[in-house]
Amino acid sequence: MRIRFIPLIIFGQLVLSAYLIHAKAQAELFCVIGKSCDAVQQSVYGQLGGINVSTLGFIAFLLLGACYFLRARPLFHRFFLWGTGIGIVGALYFIGVQVFILKQLCSSCMFIDVGMLVLGYLVYRKHY
């Protein structure tokens, strides 16, 4: 049963990341809860290497989804597990940045980060 939620979570992550990319390009960022999304997205933590974090997240979730569907092959299975682990670390980092450094929460970002933690829980509970 848990395995069915994994593609749904990955799809949700893709949709939310795509929304953030689109909203930032249109300068129409909408916070589902609260009003700090723009402040978080425009902060120095909103980019890595000059690329928006939401764009990097979209690419990462796209690759994670591809590895999930190709996981029958051992190499892609390992990439999926490693990618999930890296995603967990990234989610914890960005939650920490919002809570402890910026002291502002982007609800869309938090949905993505918490979704990644749930995905990690489902994946690693199944494998270990």
C-alpha atoms as a PDB file:
ATOM      1  CA  MET A   1       0.000   0.000   0.000  1.00  0.00           C
ATOM      2  CA  ARG A   2       2.772   2.476   0.911  1.00  0.00           C
ATOM      3  CA  ILE A   3       4.430   2.035  -2.473  1.00  0.00           C
ATOM      4  CA  ARG A   4       1.406   3.650  -4.165  1.00  0.00           C
ATOM      5  CA  PHE A   5       1.966   6.894  -2.311  1.00  0.00           C
ATOM      6  CA  ILE A   6       5.541   7.319  -3.523  1.00  0.00           C
ATOM      7  CA  PRO A   7       4.698   8.306  -7.127  1.00  0.00           C
ATOM      8  CA  LEU A   8       1.916  10.573  -5.843  1.00  0.00           C
ATOM      9  CA  ILE A   9       4.305  12.369  -3.506  1.00  0.00           C
ATOM     10  CA  ILE A  10       6.904  12.761  -6.258  1.00  0.00           C
ATOM     11  CA  PHE A  11       4.223  14.099  -8.610  1.00  0.00           C
ATOM     12  CA  GLY A  12       3.058  16.546  -5.940  1.00  0.00           C
ATOM     13  CA  GLN A  13       6.637  17.718  -5.450  1.00  0.00           C
ATOM     14  CA  LEU A  14       6.941  18.302  -9.198  1.00  0.00           C
ATOM     15  CA  VAL A  15       3.700  20.277  -9.307  1.00  0.00           C
ATOM     16  CA  LEU A  16       4.623  22.474  -6.335  1.00  0.00           C
ATOM     17  CA  SER A  17       8.128  23.087  -7.680  1.00  0.00           C
ATOM     18  CA  ALA A  18       6.718  23.985 -11.104  1.00  0.00           C
ATOM     19  CA  TYR A  19       4.256  26.342  -9.420  1.00  0.00           C
ATOM     20  CA  LEU A  20       7.087  28.115  -7.571  1.00  0.00           C
ATOM     21  CA  ILE A  21       9.097  28.465 -10.787  1.00  0.00           C
ATOM     22  CA  HIS A  22       6.085  29.877 -12.641  1.00  0.00           C
ATOM     23  CA  ALA A  23       4.989  32.161  -9.811  1.00  0.00           C
ATOM     24  CA  LYS A  24       8.457  33.588  -9.372  1.00  0.00           C
ATOM     25  CA  ALA A  25       8.743  34.263 -13.113  1.00  0.00           C
ATOM     26  CA  GLN A  26       5.347  36.009 -13.072  1.00  0.00           C
ATOM     27  CA  ALA A  27       6.117  37.834  -9.799  1.00  0.00           C
ATOM     28  CA  GLU A  28       2.838  36.464  -8.412  1.00  0.00           C
ATOM     29  CA  LEU A  29       4.018  34.281  -5.549  1.00  0.00           C
ATOM     30  CA  PHE A  30       1.111  33.053  -3.466  1.00  0.00           C
ATOM     31  CA  CYS A  31       1.498  31.570  -0.007  1.00  0.00           C
ATOM     32  CA  VAL A  32      -0.991  28.841   0.802  1.00  0.00           C
ATOM     33  CA  ILE A  33      -0.639  29.732   4.489  1.00  0.00           C
ATOM     34  CA  GLY A  34       0.907  32.981   5.716  1.00  0.00           C
ATOM     35  CA  LYS A  35       2.634  35.758   3.804  1.00  0.00           C
ATOM     36  CA  SER A  36       6.377  34.997   3.867  1.00  0.00           C
ATOM     37  CA  CYS A  37       6.830  33.029   0.634  1.00  0.00           C
ATOM     38  CA  ASP A  38       8.185  35.956  -1.316  1.00  0.00           C
ATOM     39  CA  ALA A  39      10.629  36.891   1.448  1.00  0.00           C
ATOM     40  CA  VAL A  40      11.939  33.324   1.653  1.00  0.00           C
ATOM     41  CA  GLN A  41      12.159  32.877  -2.127  1.00  0.00           C
ATOM     42  CA  GLN A  42      13.930  36.228  -2.585  1.00  0.00           C
ATOM     43  CA  SER A  43      16.443  35.602   0.204  1.00  0.00           C
ATOM     44  CA  VAL A  44      20.049  34.584  -0.437  1.00  0.00           C
ATOM     45  CA  TYR A  45      18.945  31.019   0.333  1.00  0.00           C
ATOM     46  CA  GLY A  46      16.526  31.057  -2.611  1.00  0.00           C
ATOM     47  CA  GLN A  47      19.381  30.355  -5.021  1.00  0.00           C
ATOM     48  CA  LEU A  48      22.257  27.903  -5.217  1.00  0.00           C
ATOM     49  CA  GLY A  49      25.006  28.717  -7.668  1.00  0.00           C
ATOM     50  CA  GLY A  50      22.841  31.386  -9.283  1.00  0.00           C
ATOM     51  CA  ILE A  51      19.992  28.936  -9.973  1.00  0.00           C
ATOM     52  CA  ASN A  52      16.653  29.148  -8.181  1.00  0.00           C
ATOM     53  CA  VAL A  53      16.201  26.428  -5.580  1.00  0.00           C
ATOM     54  CA  SER A  54      12.737  25.690  -6.975  1.00  0.00           C
ATOM     55  CA  THR A  55      14.259  25.001 -10.415  1.00  0.00           C
ATOM     56  CA  LEU A  56      16.854  22.712  -8.865  1.00  0.00           C
ATOM     57  CA  GLY A  57      14.091  20.994  -6.896  1.00  0.00           C
ATOM     58  CA  PHE A  58      12.010  20.449 -10.021  1.00  0.00           C
ATOM     59  CA  ILE A  59      14.970  18.867 -11.813  1.00  0.00           C
ATOM     60  CA  ALA A  60      15.797  16.746  -8.753  1.00  0.00           C
ATOM     61  CA  PHE A  61      12.206  15.488  -8.423  1.00  0.00           C
ATOM     62  CA  LEU A  62      12.072  14.757 -12.139  1.00  0.00           C
ATOM     63  CA  LEU A  63      15.241  12.656 -11.854  1.00  0.00           C
ATOM     64  CA  LEU A  64      13.988  11.015  -8.666  1.00  0.00           C
ATOM     65  CA  GLY A  65      10.739  10.097 -10.404  1.00  0.00           C
ATOM     66  CA  ALA A  66      12.613   8.635 -13.376  1.00  0.00           C
ATOM     67  CA  CYS A  67      14.809   6.583 -11.056  1.00  0.00           C
ATOM     68  CA  TYR A  68      11.724   5.402  -9.180  1.00  0.00           C
ATOM     69  CA  PHE A  69      10.074   4.087 -12.342  1.00  0.00           C
ATOM     70  CA  LEU A  70      13.348   2.490 -13.510  1.00  0.00           C
ATOM     71  CA  ARG A  71      14.194   1.064 -10.077  1.00  0.00           C
ATOM     72  CA  ALA A  72      13.938  -2.531 -11.320  1.00  0.00           C
ATOM     73  CA  ARG A  73      17.463  -1.987 -12.630  1.00  0.00           C
ATOM     74  CA  PRO A  74      19.949  -2.075  -9.736  1.00  0.00           C
ATOM     75  CA  LEU A  75      21.769   1.118 -10.776  1.00  0.00           C
ATOM     76  CA  PHE A  76      18.560   3.174 -10.837  1.00  0.00           C
ATOM     77  CA  HIS A  77      17.444   1.583  -7.573  1.00  0.00           C
ATOM     78  CA  ARG A  78      20.676   2.796  -5.944  1.00  0.00           C
ATOM     79  CA  PHE A  79      20.268   6.251  -7.532  1.00  0.00           C
ATOM     80  CA  PHE A  80      16.716   6.390  -6.165  1.00  0.00           C
ATOM     81  CA  LEU A  81      17.850   5.509  -2.643  1.00  0.00           C
ATOM     82  CA  TRP A  82      20.778   7.950  -2.765  1.00  0.00           C
ATOM     83  CA  GLY A  83      18.597  10.671  -4.273  1.00  0.00           C
ATOM     84  CA  THR A  84      16.030  10.194  -1.552  1.00  0.00           C
ATOM     85  CA  GLY A  85      18.748  10.438   1.107  1.00  0.00           C
ATOM     86  CA  ILE A  86      20.133  13.630  -0.426  1.00  0.00           C
ATOM     87  CA  GLY A  87      16.579  14.995  -0.618  1.00  0.00           C
ATOM     88  CA  ILE A  88      16.051  14.330   3.091  1.00  0.00           C
ATOM     89  CA  VAL A  89      19.231  16.220   3.966  1.00  0.00           C
ATOM     90  CA  GLY A  90      18.215  19.091   1.674  1.00  0.00           C
ATOM     91  CA  ALA A  91      14.721  19.252   3.163  1.00  0.00           C
ATOM     92  CA  LEU A  92      16.093  19.370   6.715  1.00  0.00           C
ATOM     93  CA  TYR A  93      18.546  22.084   5.668  1.00  0.00           C
ATOM     94  CA  PHE A  94      15.867  24.278   4.077  1.00  0.00           C
ATOM     95  CA  ILE A  95      13.467  23.796   6.986  1.00  0.00           C
ATOM     96  CA  GLY A  96      16.291  24.802   9.325  1.00  0.00           C
ATOM     97  CA  VAL A  97      17.080  27.889   7.232  1.00  0.00           C
ATOM     98  CA  GLN A  98      13.461  29.018   7.328  1.00  0.00           C
ATOM     99  CA  VAL A  99      12.942  28.340  11.032  1.00  0.00           C
ATOM    100  CA  PHE A 100      16.281  29.356  12.541  1.00  0.00           C
ATOM    101  CA  ILE A 101      17.910  31.800  10.123  1.00  0.00           C
ATOM    102  CA  LEU A 102      15.161  33.588   8.191  1.00  0.00           C
ATOM    103  CA  LYS A 103      12.551  33.141  10.928  1.00  0.00           C
ATOM    104  CA  GLN A 104       9.940  33.151   8.156  1.00  0.00           C
ATOM    105  CA  LEU A 105       8.103  30.228   6.615  1.00  0.00           C
ATOM    106  CA  CYS A 106       7.175  29.726   2.988  1.00  0.00           C
ATOM    107  CA  SER A 107       4.188  27.376   3.159  1.00  0.00           C
ATOM    108  CA  SER A 108       4.749  26.097  -0.383  1.00  0.00           C
ATOM    109  CA  CYS A 109       8.393  25.392   0.451  1.00  0.00           C
ATOM    110  CA  MET A 110       7.389  23.681   3.679  1.00  0.00           C
ATOM    111  CA  PHE A 111       4.920  21.435   1.826  1.00  0.00           C
ATOM    112  CA  ILE A 112       7.746  20.416  -0.508  1.00  0.00           C
ATOM    113  CA  ASP A 113      10.211  19.852   2.332  1.00  0.00           C
ATOM    114  CA  VAL A 114       7.795  17.939   4.545  1.00  0.00           C
ATOM    115  CA  GLY A 115       6.705  15.931   1.503  1.00  0.00           C
ATOM    116  CA  MET A 116      10.343  14.975   0.946  1.00  0.00           C
ATOM    117  CA  LEU A 117      10.627  13.841   4.565  1.00  0.00           C
ATOM    118  CA  VAL A 118       7.471  11.737   4.203  1.00  0.00           C
ATOM    119  CA  LEU A 119       8.826  10.277   0.963  1.00  0.00           C
ATOM    120  CA  GLY A 120      12.085   9.439   2.716  1.00  0.00           C
ATOM    121  CA  TYR A 121      10.230   7.787   5.560  1.00  0.00           C
ATOM    122  CA  LEU A 122       8.211   5.622   3.161  1.00  0.00           C
ATOM    123  CA  VAL A 123      11.245   4.672   1.082  1.00  0.00           C
ATOM    124  CA  TYR A 124      13.597   3.827   3.937  1.00  0.00           C
ATOM    125  CA  ARG A 125      10.945   2.120   6.026  1.00  0.00           C
ATOM    126  CA  LYS A 126      10.346  -0.205   3.104  1.00  0.00           C
ATOM    127  CA  HIS A 127      14.048  -0.933   2.558  1.00  0.00           C
ATOM    128  CA  TYR A 128      15.485  -1.093   6.062  1.00  0.00           C
END
